[in-house]
Amino acid sequence: MATKKASKKTVKKASKKAATKTTGKKVVSKKTASKKAPAKKAAKKSARKYSPSAGKNVEREMREMKQGKLKSGRSGKKVTSRKQAIAIGLSEARKQGKKVPPKKS
């Protein structure tokens, strides 16, 4: 395995040398051309997406779901999904005007 890798490297080097001799220009490898400059991160102080009180709403809904008391909107069926319980908690927080990002869809 190691001999195959070594032979591939020598073949690449030889082909690069041949290309520079015939054209007279340097060949840029794909690896160096595809590198991007590191993105600068914005220096923000802890900007929260969700307010602490919105988190409390979600906690309350999770507790109700675990106890089997959480019901979905119109149908009134029992909620069994964790994601659905979180969605209900966030929805109620939005209705109360707490800091919660808008729905994606």
C-alpha atoms as a PDB file:
ATOM      1  CA  MET A   1       0.000   0.000   0.000  1.00  0.00           C
ATOM      2  CA  ALA A   2       2.770   2.423   0.915  1.00  0.00           C
ATOM      3  CA  THR A   3       4.601   1.681  -2.345  1.00  0.00           C
ATOM      4  CA  LYS A   4       1.517   2.545  -4.408  1.00  0.00           C
ATOM      5  CA  LYS A   5       1.177   5.922  -2.665  1.00  0.00           C
ATOM      6  CA  ALA A   6       4.850   6.678  -3.148  1.00  0.00           C
ATOM      7  CA  SER A   7       4.699   5.789  -6.839  1.00  0.00           C
ATOM      8  CA  LYS A   8       1.602   7.997  -7.359  1.00  0.00           C
ATOM      9  CA  LYS A   9       3.414  10.957  -5.790  1.00  0.00           C
ATOM     10  CA  THR A  10       6.431  10.530  -8.041  1.00  0.00           C
ATOM     11  CA  VAL A  11       4.193  10.294 -11.120  1.00  0.00           C
ATOM     12  CA  LYS A  12       2.419  13.548 -10.120  1.00  0.00           C
ATOM     13  CA  LYS A  13       5.717  15.336  -9.549  1.00  0.00           C
ATOM     14  CA  ALA A  14       7.056  14.134 -12.889  1.00  0.00           C
ATOM     15  CA  SER A  15       3.933  15.303 -14.734  1.00  0.00           C
ATOM     16  CA  LYS A  16       4.148  18.733 -13.076  1.00  0.00           C
ATOM     17  CA  LYS A  17       7.800  19.091 -14.052  1.00  0.00           C
ATOM     18  CA  ALA A  18       6.991  18.108 -17.630  1.00  0.00           C
ATOM     19  CA  ALA A  19       4.164  20.656 -17.760  1.00  0.00           C
ATOM     20  CA  THR A  20       6.388  23.455 -16.499  1.00  0.00           C
ATOM     21  CA  LYS A  21       9.130  22.600 -18.994  1.00  0.00           C
ATOM     22  CA  THR A  22       6.831  22.594 -22.030  1.00  0.00           C
ATOM     23  CA  THR A  23       4.725  25.675 -21.181  1.00  0.00           C
ATOM     24  CA  GLY A  24       7.230  27.601 -19.112  1.00  0.00           C
ATOM     25  CA  LYS A  25       4.505  28.451 -16.566  1.00  0.00           C
ATOM     26  CA  LYS A  26       3.855  27.029 -13.130  1.00  0.00           C
ATOM     27  CA  VAL A  27       0.948  24.659 -12.737  1.00  0.00           C
ATOM     28  CA  VAL A  28      -1.420  25.470  -9.882  1.00  0.00           C
ATOM     29  CA  SER A  29      -2.644  22.380  -8.102  1.00  0.00           C
ATOM     30  CA  LYS A  30      -6.334  21.987  -7.333  1.00  0.00           C
ATOM     31  CA  LYS A  31      -5.777  21.921  -3.585  1.00  0.00           C
ATOM     32  CA  THR A  32      -4.211  25.377  -3.419  1.00  0.00           C
ATOM     33  CA  ALA A  33      -6.728  26.928  -5.805  1.00  0.00           C
ATOM     34  CA  SER A  34      -9.766  25.758  -3.833  1.00  0.00           C
ATOM     35  CA  LYS A  35      -8.652  27.144  -0.463  1.00  0.00           C
ATOM     36  CA  LYS A  36     -10.734  30.019   0.785  1.00  0.00           C
ATOM     37  CA  ALA A  37      -9.766  32.764   3.168  1.00  0.00           C
ATOM     38  CA  PRO A  38     -10.990  32.105   6.700  1.00  0.00           C
ATOM     39  CA  ALA A  39     -14.268  33.878   7.360  1.00  0.00           C
ATOM     40  CA  LYS A  40     -14.204  36.549  10.043  1.00  0.00           C
ATOM     41  CA  LYS A  41     -16.599  35.878  12.869  1.00  0.00           C
ATOM     42  CA  ALA A  42     -18.653  38.776  14.111  1.00  0.00           C
ATOM     43  CA  ALA A  43     -17.744  39.627  17.681  1.00  0.00           C
ATOM     44  CA  LYS A  44     -21.111  39.569  19.414  1.00  0.00           C
ATOM     45  CA  LYS A  45     -21.787  39.441  23.085  1.00  0.00           C
ATOM     46  CA  SER A  46     -24.122  36.615  24.077  1.00  0.00           C
ATOM     47  CA  ALA A  47     -27.093  37.482  21.881  1.00  0.00           C
ATOM     48  CA  ARG A  48     -29.794  34.992  22.718  1.00  0.00           C
ATOM     49  CA  LYS A  49     -32.144  33.579  20.127  1.00  0.00           C
ATOM     50  CA  TYR A  50     -34.703  32.547  22.739  1.00  0.00           C
ATOM     51  CA  SER A  51     -35.601  34.449  25.893  1.00  0.00           C
ATOM     52  CA  PRO A  52     -35.241  32.579  29.209  1.00  0.00           C
ATOM     53  CA  SER A  53     -39.000  32.803  29.755  1.00  0.00           C
ATOM     54  CA  ALA A  54     -39.579  31.099  26.386  1.00  0.00           C
ATOM     55  CA  GLY A  55     -37.377  28.243  27.614  1.00  0.00           C
ATOM     56  CA  LYS A  56     -39.577  27.971  30.700  1.00  0.00           C
ATOM     57  CA  ASN A  57     -42.647  27.633  28.471  1.00  0.00           C
ATOM     58  CA  VAL A  58     -40.991  24.745  26.638  1.00  0.00           C
ATOM     59  CA  GLU A  59     -39.994  23.120  29.959  1.00  0.00           C
ATOM     60  CA  ARG A  60     -43.583  23.324  31.183  1.00  0.00           C
ATOM     61  CA  GLU A  61     -44.912  21.725  27.989  1.00  0.00           C
ATOM     62  CA  MET A  62     -42.311  18.929  28.181  1.00  0.00           C
ATOM     63  CA  ARG A  63     -43.314  18.195  31.754  1.00  0.00           C
ATOM     64  CA  GLU A  64     -46.986  18.004  30.740  1.00  0.00           C
ATOM     65  CA  MET A  65     -46.127  15.673  27.866  1.00  0.00           C
ATOM     66  CA  LYS A  66     -44.201  13.330  30.154  1.00  0.00           C
ATOM     67  CA  GLN A  67     -47.130  13.255  32.570  1.00  0.00           C
ATOM     68  CA  GLY A  68     -49.493  12.515  29.683  1.00  0.00           C
ATOM     69  CA  LYS A  69     -51.522  15.703  30.131  1.00  0.00           C
ATOM     70  CA  LEU A  70     -50.406  17.602  27.016  1.00  0.00           C
ATOM     71  CA  LYS A  71     -53.042  17.711  24.287  1.00  0.00           C
ATOM     72  CA  SER A  72     -52.675  19.072  20.769  1.00  0.00           C
ATOM     73  CA  GLY A  73     -54.711  22.048  19.516  1.00  0.00           C
ATOM     74  CA  ARG A  74     -58.056  21.384  17.867  1.00  0.00           C
ATOM     75  CA  SER A  75     -58.143  17.616  17.869  1.00  0.00           C
ATOM     76  CA  GLY A  76     -57.299  17.337  21.554  1.00  0.00           C
ATOM     77  CA  LYS A  77     -55.249  14.175  20.982  1.00  0.00           C
ATOM     78  CA  LYS A  78     -52.460  13.298  23.364  1.00  0.00           C
ATOM     79  CA  VAL A  79     -49.008  14.538  22.314  1.00  0.00           C
ATOM     80  CA  THR A  80     -46.357  11.794  22.307  1.00  0.00           C
ATOM     81  CA  SER A  81     -43.581  13.417  20.280  1.00  0.00           C
ATOM     82  CA  ARG A  82     -40.829  15.442  21.977  1.00  0.00           C
ATOM     83  CA  LYS A  83     -40.525  17.714  18.926  1.00  0.00           C
ATOM     84  CA  GLN A  84     -44.234  18.389  18.957  1.00  0.00           C
ATOM     85  CA  ALA A  85     -44.109  19.355  22.651  1.00  0.00           C
ATOM     86  CA  ILE A  86     -41.268  21.808  21.939  1.00  0.00           C
ATOM     87  CA  ALA A  87     -43.222  23.286  19.022  1.00  0.00           C
ATOM     88  CA  ILE A  88     -46.262  23.827  21.236  1.00  0.00           C
ATOM     89  CA  GLY A  89     -44.133  25.533  23.904  1.00  0.00           C
ATOM     90  CA  LEU A  90     -42.514  27.870  21.370  1.00  0.00           C
ATOM     91  CA  SER A  91     -45.855  28.630  19.764  1.00  0.00           C
ATOM     92  CA  GLU A  92     -47.320  29.690  23.119  1.00  0.00           C
ATOM     93  CA  ALA A  93     -44.239  31.820  23.820  1.00  0.00           C
ATOM     94  CA  ARG A  94     -44.751  33.599  20.472  1.00  0.00           C
ATOM     95  CA  LYS A  95     -48.396  34.280  21.332  1.00  0.00           C
ATOM     96  CA  GLN A  96     -47.309  35.848  24.647  1.00  0.00           C
ATOM     97  CA  GLY A  97     -44.847  38.092  22.784  1.00  0.00           C
ATOM     98  CA  LYS A  98     -41.646  36.551  24.121  1.00  0.00           C
ATOM     99  CA  LYS A  99     -38.390  36.625  22.166  1.00  0.00           C
ATOM    100  CA  VAL A 100     -38.552  33.600  19.865  1.00  0.00           C
ATOM    101  CA  PRO A 101     -37.384  33.441  16.227  1.00  0.00           C
ATOM    102  CA  PRO A 102     -40.178  33.232  13.622  1.00  0.00           C
ATOM    103  CA  LYS A 103     -41.264  29.892  12.182  1.00  0.00           C
ATOM    104  CA  LYS A 104     -39.172  28.613   9.278  1.00  0.00           C
ATOM    105  CA  SER A 105     -42.092  27.309   7.259  1.00  0.00           C
END
